[in-house]
Amino acid sequence: MKRIVISILTVLMISMLAACGNDKKEDEHNHSEHKSSDKPQALEVALNVPKEAKSGEEVELSAEVKLGDEKVKDADEVMFEIVKDGDKASSEMKKVKENKDGVYTLKYKFKEAGKYNVTSHVTARDQHTMPNQNINIK
C-alpha cells in the first residue's frame, strides 16, 4: 500500500514540475514575441534652412518632426539655436510654439553678414534630437 501511495505522489510531483516548466517557456516565448513587435522608433527631424540669405531679410527656418510615419504635432519643446561664426557665447535660442501638421516654423531676421549655424532642439515622446545646418548671410 505504501508503494502505491509513494508512486502516485511521485507521479503527481513530476506532473506538477513539468507543467510549471512548460508555463515558463511559454511565457518567455510570448514575452520575446511581444518585444520584437514593439521596436522603439527614433524621433526624426528634417531641418530646413536656406543655404544663404541677405542680412535684414526675413528667413523661414523649419523642422518637420516625425516618429516613424506619424507626424508629431504635440512636441514637448522645439527651439532653434542660432550661432554666428561659431561663437557659442553669443548664441540665441528661439522657442517655436506653433506647428502645422508636424512642421514647426520660425521666421527670423539675421542682422549681420556672416556664417551661422542653426540647430533645432526637439524634445518629443521622451526623446531629444538636435540636427543642425549652416546658412551664409551676405
N, C-alpha and C. Protein backbone atom coordinates (compact mmCIF):
# COMPACT_ATOMS: atom_id res chain seq x y z
N MET A 1 0.81 -1.18 0.00
CA MET A 1 0.00 0.00 0.00
C MET A 1 0.87 1.27 0.00
N LYS A 2 1.95 1.22 0.78
CA LYS A 2 2.84 2.37 0.82
C LYS A 2 3.44 2.63 -0.55
N ARG A 3 3.77 1.55 -1.26
CA ARG A 3 4.36 1.70 -2.59
C ARG A 3 3.40 2.41 -3.53
N ILE A 4 2.15 2.08 -3.47
CA ILE A 4 1.16 2.70 -4.36
C ILE A 4 1.03 4.19 -4.04
N VAL A 5 0.95 4.54 -2.79
CA VAL A 5 0.83 5.94 -2.37
C VAL A 5 2.08 6.71 -2.79
N ILE A 6 3.25 6.15 -2.58
CA ILE A 6 4.51 6.80 -2.95
C ILE A 6 4.58 6.95 -4.47
N SER A 7 4.15 5.95 -5.20
CA SER A 7 4.16 6.01 -6.66
C SER A 7 3.21 7.11 -7.16
N ILE A 8 2.03 7.19 -6.60
CA ILE A 8 1.05 8.21 -7.00
C ILE A 8 1.58 9.61 -6.68
N LEU A 9 2.15 9.77 -5.48
CA LEU A 9 2.72 11.07 -5.10
C LEU A 9 3.87 11.46 -6.02
N THR A 10 4.70 10.50 -6.37
CA THR A 10 5.82 10.76 -7.27
C THR A 10 5.33 11.22 -8.64
N VAL A 11 4.34 10.52 -9.18
CA VAL A 11 3.78 10.87 -10.48
C VAL A 11 3.16 12.28 -10.43
N LEU A 12 2.45 12.60 -9.35
CA LEU A 12 1.83 13.93 -9.20
C LEU A 12 2.90 15.03 -9.13
N MET A 13 3.96 14.77 -8.39
CA MET A 13 5.04 15.76 -8.27
C MET A 13 5.71 16.01 -9.62
N ILE A 14 6.00 14.95 -10.33
CA ILE A 14 6.64 15.07 -11.65
C ILE A 14 5.72 15.83 -12.60
N SER A 15 4.43 15.54 -12.56
CA SER A 15 3.46 16.24 -13.43
C SER A 15 3.41 17.73 -13.11
N MET A 16 3.41 18.07 -11.85
CA MET A 16 3.36 19.48 -11.45
C MET A 16 4.62 20.22 -11.88
N LEU A 17 5.77 19.60 -11.69
CA LEU A 17 7.03 20.23 -12.10
C LEU A 17 7.10 20.40 -13.62
N ALA A 18 6.64 19.43 -14.34
CA ALA A 18 6.64 19.51 -15.80
C ALA A 18 5.71 20.63 -16.27
N ALA A 19 4.56 20.76 -15.65
CA ALA A 19 3.60 21.81 -16.03
C ALA A 19 4.17 23.19 -15.75
N CYS A 20 4.84 23.38 -14.63
CA CYS A 20 5.45 24.68 -14.30
C CYS A 20 6.55 25.02 -15.30
N GLY A 21 7.33 24.05 -15.69
CA GLY A 21 8.39 24.28 -16.67
C GLY A 21 7.82 24.70 -18.02
N ASN A 22 6.75 24.11 -18.46
CA ASN A 22 6.14 24.48 -19.74
C ASN A 22 5.56 25.88 -19.70
N ASP A 23 4.94 26.26 -18.60
CA ASP A 23 4.38 27.61 -18.46
C ASP A 23 5.47 28.66 -18.59
N LYS A 24 6.61 28.40 -17.96
CA LYS A 24 7.71 29.35 -18.01
C LYS A 24 8.22 29.54 -19.43
N LYS A 25 8.39 28.42 -20.15
CA LYS A 25 8.85 28.51 -21.54
C LYS A 25 7.84 29.25 -22.40
N GLU A 26 6.56 28.98 -22.16
CA GLU A 26 5.52 29.65 -22.95
C GLU A 26 5.52 31.15 -22.65
N ASP A 27 5.68 31.53 -21.38
CA ASP A 27 5.74 32.94 -21.01
C ASP A 27 6.93 33.63 -21.66
N GLU A 28 8.11 32.95 -21.66
CA GLU A 28 9.29 33.53 -22.30
C GLU A 28 9.07 33.69 -23.79
N HIS A 29 8.43 32.72 -24.42
CA HIS A 29 8.15 32.80 -25.86
C HIS A 29 7.23 33.97 -26.16
N ASN A 30 6.14 34.09 -25.39
CA ASN A 30 5.20 35.20 -25.60
C ASN A 30 5.85 36.54 -25.34
N HIS A 31 6.70 36.62 -24.32
CA HIS A 31 7.38 37.86 -23.98
C HIS A 31 8.34 38.28 -25.09
N SER A 32 9.08 37.33 -25.66
CA SER A 32 10.02 37.67 -26.72
C SER A 32 9.28 38.08 -28.00
N GLU A 33 8.13 37.48 -28.29
CA GLU A 33 7.33 37.90 -29.44
C GLU A 33 6.83 39.32 -29.25
N HIS A 34 6.42 39.66 -28.05
CA HIS A 34 5.91 40.99 -27.75
C HIS A 34 7.00 42.04 -27.94
N LYS A 35 8.22 41.71 -27.50
CA LYS A 35 9.33 42.65 -27.63
C LYS A 35 9.64 42.95 -29.09
N SER A 36 9.68 41.94 -29.93
CA SER A 36 10.09 42.15 -31.32
C SER A 36 9.07 42.97 -32.10
N SER A 37 7.79 42.91 -31.72
CA SER A 37 6.79 43.67 -32.45
C SER A 37 6.70 45.12 -31.96
N ASP A 38 7.28 45.42 -30.79
CA ASP A 38 7.24 46.77 -30.24
C ASP A 38 8.60 47.44 -30.35
N LYS A 39 9.21 47.44 -31.50
CA LYS A 39 10.51 48.07 -31.66
C LYS A 39 10.35 49.58 -31.48
N PRO A 40 11.19 50.19 -30.66
CA PRO A 40 11.09 51.64 -30.48
C PRO A 40 11.49 52.36 -31.76
N GLN A 41 10.77 53.44 -32.02
CA GLN A 41 11.06 54.23 -33.21
C GLN A 41 11.81 55.49 -32.79
N ALA A 42 12.75 55.89 -33.61
CA ALA A 42 13.54 57.08 -33.32
C ALA A 42 12.81 58.33 -33.79
N LEU A 43 12.96 59.38 -33.03
CA LEU A 43 12.42 60.68 -33.39
C LEU A 43 13.24 61.20 -34.57
N GLU A 44 12.56 61.61 -35.63
CA GLU A 44 13.24 62.12 -36.82
C GLU A 44 12.86 63.58 -37.03
N VAL A 45 13.87 64.41 -37.31
CA VAL A 45 13.63 65.82 -37.57
C VAL A 45 14.31 66.19 -38.88
N ALA A 46 13.50 66.68 -39.82
CA ALA A 46 14.03 67.19 -41.09
C ALA A 46 14.13 68.71 -40.95
N LEU A 47 15.35 69.20 -40.77
CA LEU A 47 15.59 70.63 -40.59
C LEU A 47 15.73 71.27 -41.95
N ASN A 48 14.98 72.35 -42.17
CA ASN A 48 15.01 73.06 -43.45
C ASN A 48 15.52 74.49 -43.21
N VAL A 49 16.75 74.74 -43.68
CA VAL A 49 17.40 76.05 -43.55
C VAL A 49 17.95 76.41 -44.93
N PRO A 50 17.64 77.63 -45.44
CA PRO A 50 18.22 78.00 -46.73
C PRO A 50 19.75 78.04 -46.66
N LYS A 51 20.40 77.84 -47.79
CA LYS A 51 21.88 77.86 -47.84
C LYS A 51 22.42 79.27 -47.59
N GLU A 52 21.68 80.28 -48.12
CA GLU A 52 22.13 81.65 -47.93
C GLU A 52 20.95 82.62 -47.98
N ALA A 53 21.21 83.82 -47.44
CA ALA A 53 20.20 84.88 -47.44
C ALA A 53 20.94 86.21 -47.24
N LYS A 54 20.17 87.30 -47.31
CA LYS A 54 20.74 88.64 -47.12
C LYS A 54 20.44 89.11 -45.70
N SER A 55 21.37 89.89 -45.14
CA SER A 55 21.13 90.41 -43.79
C SER A 55 19.92 91.34 -43.82
N GLY A 56 19.14 91.30 -42.76
CA GLY A 56 17.93 92.11 -42.66
C GLY A 56 16.72 91.49 -43.34
N GLU A 57 16.93 90.42 -44.09
CA GLU A 57 15.85 89.74 -44.80
C GLU A 57 15.26 88.66 -43.89
N GLU A 58 13.92 88.54 -43.87
CA GLU A 58 13.29 87.51 -43.05
C GLU A 58 13.46 86.15 -43.71
N VAL A 59 13.89 85.19 -42.91
CA VAL A 59 14.16 83.84 -43.39
C VAL A 59 13.26 82.88 -42.62
N GLU A 60 12.77 81.86 -43.31
CA GLU A 60 11.95 80.85 -42.65
C GLU A 60 12.80 79.62 -42.34
N LEU A 61 12.85 79.27 -41.06
CA LEU A 61 13.53 78.06 -40.59
C LEU A 61 12.44 77.10 -40.16
N SER A 62 12.56 75.84 -40.55
CA SER A 62 11.51 74.90 -40.16
C SER A 62 12.10 73.54 -39.81
N ALA A 63 11.35 72.83 -38.97
CA ALA A 63 11.72 71.48 -38.56
C ALA A 63 10.48 70.60 -38.67
N GLU A 64 10.54 69.59 -39.54
CA GLU A 64 9.44 68.63 -39.65
C GLU A 64 9.75 67.47 -38.72
N VAL A 65 8.84 67.22 -37.78
CA VAL A 65 9.07 66.23 -36.73
C VAL A 65 8.19 65.01 -36.97
N LYS A 66 8.85 63.82 -37.00
CA LYS A 66 8.13 62.56 -37.21
C LYS A 66 8.64 61.49 -36.25
N LEU A 67 7.75 60.56 -35.97
CA LEU A 67 8.10 59.36 -35.23
C LEU A 67 7.61 58.21 -36.10
N GLY A 68 8.51 57.60 -36.84
CA GLY A 68 8.12 56.62 -37.86
C GLY A 68 7.37 57.35 -38.96
N ASP A 69 6.17 56.90 -39.26
CA ASP A 69 5.34 57.55 -40.28
C ASP A 69 4.42 58.62 -39.69
N GLU A 70 4.38 58.71 -38.37
CA GLU A 70 3.46 59.64 -37.69
C GLU A 70 4.08 61.03 -37.57
N LYS A 71 3.32 62.05 -37.99
CA LYS A 71 3.76 63.43 -37.81
C LYS A 71 3.50 63.83 -36.36
N VAL A 72 4.51 64.38 -35.71
CA VAL A 72 4.40 64.75 -34.30
C VAL A 72 3.89 66.19 -34.21
N LYS A 73 2.64 66.31 -33.79
CA LYS A 73 2.00 67.63 -33.70
C LYS A 73 2.01 68.17 -32.28
N ASP A 74 2.52 67.38 -31.33
CA ASP A 74 2.47 67.75 -29.92
C ASP A 74 3.84 67.64 -29.25
N ALA A 75 4.87 68.11 -29.94
CA ALA A 75 6.22 68.05 -29.36
C ALA A 75 6.25 68.82 -28.04
N ASP A 76 7.01 68.30 -27.09
CA ASP A 76 7.13 68.97 -25.79
C ASP A 76 7.82 70.32 -25.94
N GLU A 77 8.86 70.37 -26.78
CA GLU A 77 9.60 71.61 -26.97
C GLU A 77 10.33 71.58 -28.31
N VAL A 78 10.25 72.71 -29.02
CA VAL A 78 11.02 72.90 -30.25
C VAL A 78 11.67 74.27 -30.14
N MET A 79 13.01 74.28 -30.24
CA MET A 79 13.75 75.54 -30.17
C MET A 79 14.79 75.57 -31.28
N PHE A 80 15.08 76.76 -31.76
CA PHE A 80 16.14 76.94 -32.74
C PHE A 80 17.26 77.73 -32.06
N GLU A 81 18.47 77.17 -32.12
CA GLU A 81 19.65 77.85 -31.59
C GLU A 81 20.42 78.40 -32.78
N ILE A 82 20.73 79.70 -32.72
CA ILE A 82 21.41 80.36 -33.84
C ILE A 82 22.75 80.88 -33.33
N VAL A 83 23.83 80.41 -33.97
CA VAL A 83 25.18 80.76 -33.55
C VAL A 83 25.92 81.38 -34.73
N LYS A 84 26.48 82.59 -34.53
CA LYS A 84 27.23 83.27 -35.59
C LYS A 84 28.72 82.95 -35.46
N ASP A 85 29.32 82.54 -36.56
CA ASP A 85 30.76 82.30 -36.66
C ASP A 85 31.31 81.43 -35.53
N GLY A 86 30.54 80.46 -35.07
CA GLY A 86 31.00 79.53 -34.05
C GLY A 86 31.10 80.10 -32.65
N ASP A 87 30.61 81.33 -32.42
CA ASP A 87 30.69 81.99 -31.11
C ASP A 87 29.51 81.57 -30.25
N LYS A 88 29.64 80.43 -29.53
CA LYS A 88 28.55 79.88 -28.71
C LYS A 88 28.12 80.85 -27.60
N ALA A 89 29.04 81.72 -27.15
CA ALA A 89 28.72 82.65 -26.06
C ALA A 89 27.62 83.62 -26.48
N SER A 90 27.54 83.94 -27.75
CA SER A 90 26.52 84.90 -28.20
C SER A 90 25.38 84.21 -28.95
N SER A 91 25.17 82.94 -28.67
CA SER A 91 24.09 82.22 -29.36
C SER A 91 22.72 82.70 -28.90
N GLU A 92 21.74 82.56 -29.78
CA GLU A 92 20.35 82.92 -29.47
C GLU A 92 19.51 81.65 -29.50
N MET A 93 18.61 81.53 -28.53
CA MET A 93 17.66 80.41 -28.50
C MET A 93 16.27 80.98 -28.71
N LYS A 94 15.59 80.49 -29.75
CA LYS A 94 14.24 80.94 -30.07
C LYS A 94 13.28 79.77 -29.96
N LYS A 95 12.27 79.92 -29.11
CA LYS A 95 11.28 78.86 -28.91
C LYS A 95 10.20 78.97 -29.98
N VAL A 96 9.81 77.82 -30.51
CA VAL A 96 8.74 77.76 -31.51
C VAL A 96 7.53 77.14 -30.84
N LYS A 97 6.41 77.84 -30.89
CA LYS A 97 5.20 77.35 -30.23
C LYS A 97 4.24 76.72 -31.22
N GLU A 98 4.20 77.22 -32.37
CA GLU A 98 3.19 76.85 -33.36
C GLU A 98 3.69 75.76 -34.30
N ASN A 99 2.77 74.93 -34.74
CA ASN A 99 3.13 73.94 -35.75
C ASN A 99 1.96 73.73 -36.68
N LYS A 100 2.28 73.30 -37.89
CA LYS A 100 1.26 72.93 -38.86
C LYS A 100 1.59 71.55 -39.34
N ASP A 101 0.76 70.61 -38.95
CA ASP A 101 0.90 69.23 -39.41
C ASP A 101 2.30 68.65 -39.16
N GLY A 102 2.84 68.92 -37.97
CA GLY A 102 4.15 68.37 -37.59
C GLY A 102 5.33 69.19 -38.04
N VAL A 103 5.09 70.37 -38.67
CA VAL A 103 6.17 71.24 -39.11
C VAL A 103 6.19 72.48 -38.22
N TYR A 104 7.31 72.70 -37.54
CA TYR A 104 7.48 73.82 -36.62
C TYR A 104 8.33 74.87 -37.33
N THR A 105 7.82 76.11 -37.40
CA THR A 105 8.45 77.14 -38.22
C THR A 105 8.80 78.37 -37.40
N LEU A 106 9.95 78.96 -37.71
CA LEU A 106 10.39 80.21 -37.10
C LEU A 106 10.78 81.17 -38.22
N LYS A 107 10.24 82.38 -38.17
CA LYS A 107 10.67 83.43 -39.09
C LYS A 107 11.70 84.27 -38.34
N TYR A 108 12.87 84.45 -38.96
CA TYR A 108 13.99 85.07 -38.28
C TYR A 108 14.73 86.01 -39.22
N LYS A 109 15.18 87.16 -38.68
CA LYS A 109 15.99 88.12 -39.45
C LYS A 109 17.41 88.09 -38.92
N PHE A 110 18.35 87.76 -39.80
CA PHE A 110 19.77 87.79 -39.46
C PHE A 110 20.23 89.23 -39.65
N LYS A 111 20.76 89.85 -38.59
CA LYS A 111 21.10 91.28 -38.62
C LYS A 111 22.43 91.57 -39.31
N GLU A 112 23.36 90.64 -39.20
CA GLU A 112 24.71 90.88 -39.73
C GLU A 112 25.13 89.78 -40.69
N ALA A 113 26.04 90.15 -41.60
CA ALA A 113 26.62 89.16 -42.51
C ALA A 113 27.51 88.21 -41.72
N GLY A 114 27.63 87.00 -42.21
CA GLY A 114 28.50 86.02 -41.57
C GLY A 114 27.99 84.61 -41.81
N LYS A 115 28.73 83.67 -41.25
CA LYS A 115 28.31 82.27 -41.33
C LYS A 115 27.63 81.89 -40.02
N TYR A 116 26.44 81.35 -40.13
CA TYR A 116 25.65 80.98 -38.97
C TYR A 116 25.39 79.48 -38.98
N ASN A 117 25.25 78.93 -37.78
CA ASN A 117 24.83 77.55 -37.63
C ASN A 117 23.48 77.56 -36.91
N VAL A 118 22.52 76.85 -37.49
CA VAL A 118 21.19 76.75 -36.90
C VAL A 118 21.00 75.31 -36.42
N THR A 119 20.71 75.16 -35.13
CA THR A 119 20.47 73.85 -34.54
C THR A 119 19.04 73.82 -34.01
N SER A 120 18.29 72.79 -34.42
CA SER A 120 16.94 72.63 -33.86
C SER A 120 17.03 71.67 -32.69
N HIS A 121 16.52 72.10 -31.56
CA HIS A 121 16.46 71.28 -30.35
C HIS A 121 15.01 70.81 -30.23
N VAL A 122 14.79 69.52 -30.47
CA VAL A 122 13.42 68.99 -30.47
C VAL A 122 13.30 67.91 -29.40
N THR A 123 12.31 68.10 -28.51
CA THR A 123 12.01 67.11 -27.49
C THR A 123 10.56 66.67 -27.68
N ALA A 124 10.38 65.37 -27.89
CA ALA A 124 9.04 64.80 -28.07
C ALA A 124 9.09 63.31 -27.77
N ARG A 125 8.01 62.81 -27.19
CA ARG A 125 7.85 61.37 -26.93
C ARG A 125 9.06 60.79 -26.19
N ASP A 126 9.53 61.51 -25.17
CA ASP A 126 10.66 61.08 -24.33
C ASP A 126 11.96 60.92 -25.11
N GLN A 127 12.10 61.66 -26.20
CA GLN A 127 13.34 61.64 -26.97
C GLN A 127 13.77 63.09 -27.26
N HIS A 128 15.05 63.26 -27.56
CA HIS A 128 15.59 64.58 -27.89
C HIS A 128 16.55 64.42 -29.06
N THR A 129 16.45 65.31 -30.02
CA THR A 129 17.38 65.29 -31.14
C THR A 129 17.74 66.71 -31.53
N MET A 130 18.93 66.90 -32.11
CA MET A 130 19.45 68.23 -32.40
C MET A 130 20.14 68.31 -33.76
N PRO A 131 19.40 68.17 -34.86
CA PRO A 131 20.05 68.32 -36.16
C PRO A 131 20.42 69.79 -36.39
N ASN A 132 21.46 70.02 -37.20
CA ASN A 132 21.86 71.41 -37.47
C ASN A 132 22.28 71.59 -38.92
N GLN A 133 22.23 72.84 -39.37
CA GLN A 133 22.64 73.21 -40.73
C GLN A 133 23.25 74.61 -40.69
N ASN A 134 24.05 74.89 -41.71
CA ASN A 134 24.67 76.20 -41.81
C ASN A 134 23.93 77.07 -42.82
N ILE A 135 24.03 78.40 -42.59
CA ILE A 135 23.49 79.37 -43.52
C ILE A 135 24.49 80.51 -43.63
N ASN A 136 24.69 80.99 -44.85
CA ASN A 136 25.61 82.08 -45.10
C ASN A 136 24.78 83.35 -45.32
N ILE A 137 25.03 84.38 -44.52
CA ILE A 137 24.32 85.64 -44.63
C ILE A 137 25.24 86.67 -45.25
N LYS A 138 24.77 87.30 -46.33
CA LYS A 138 25.58 88.29 -47.06
C LYS A 138 25.14 89.69 -46.72
